[in-house]
Amino acid sequence: MKLEIIHRKGPVLKKAKFGCLNRVLSINITKGCSFRCVYCYARAYPGNEDDGVYLYENLIEKLDRETKRTRLVKFVVFNTATDCFQPHPAILDTTYFAMKLLLERRYTISFLTKGFIPDRFIELFSDYPESTICRIGLVSLSERFHHIFEPLTATPSQRLSNIERLKGAGLDVEVRIDPIVPFYTDTASEIDSLLSELNRLGVRTVTLSYLHLRPGIIKQLRRELPQRDFKMIISNFPKSGWQRVGTSTMSRLVPLPLRKRGYARFREIAQRYQMEVKICACKNPDMKAQRCISFREDLEPVRQLRLFN
């Protein structure tokens, strides 16, 4: 991985304004991500075509100042556009110090990763189990899926190791199965293979969402997937019917009847293992769904009342 060091000008904590993350703070340790999953929505934004990964040299300094404010929401989500567990020593060090600072200042942190989590993080999280929300992204145990769609991420076995070690340290772990790729990862055999293994490790909750397409994602899939796989996937999406996903982004969704049947298969198999299934509301605006990140009202900043108007 080629890593460039840059200076951050704006704040490192951003208030999220979309879907399940509405009202909470978010932070990205880097600009750009070395994992470069072919379905990544962040890569598809204009201006993100650059393959580089940039680390903010002053991130901890700015985070230290920003978290001294009293009116911040005490909840920070890592990795809305990158992954803080990219395998580079400088990225991991910055991530560790950022998480340690936030936890020591009584913030609740949440992270979603498709990387490998080093042991020192698990030791840190074990000191703050009530303030650490651990979410692992895992769509399939298939080696072929990993090779084609996300070859630079941690392997499925490494992510299962994350879950096992986090659970062993007394931490609760949720798994996000996203993006589900129709006819690749939503067959009964694929679902049962994944959920049975998660059940063995003690996972009780999974969150689901299907692949959605933006113009930039379509370009990525066409450029980086084998032609046969690209044609297979694109055939599941109607050419019309763009819908708003998030605050402003128009996307093509897997047709609602196909998604409902897929979610029903997941629910049916999950019931065998007494697992809870949540459908992410962010990426399913046309159906009843759930908030995929819990948010406690007591984490809101306390507003001081004025004595006089």
Foldseek 3Di string as FASTA:
>chain_A
DDEAEDADDDAQWDQDPWALSHGATEGEQKLAEQQPFLLQPLCLDPPNVDRYIYGHPCNLVRLVVVVVDQQHQLEYEYDPRYAQQQPDVVSVVVVQSSVLVSVVSPGAYEYEFQAADDPVVLVSCLVPQVRYAAEYEDAFLDPVCCVQGGVSHDHPVRSLVVLLSNVVSVHAYEYENPAHQPPPQLDLVGLLVVLVSCLVSPHAEYEYHHRKDDVSSLVSCCVRGDNVVSVVRVVQWDPDDFDDAIDRGTITGRDPVSVVVSVVSNVVSSVVSNHHYFYRCRRCVPDDTDSPDDDDPVSGRDDDDDPDD
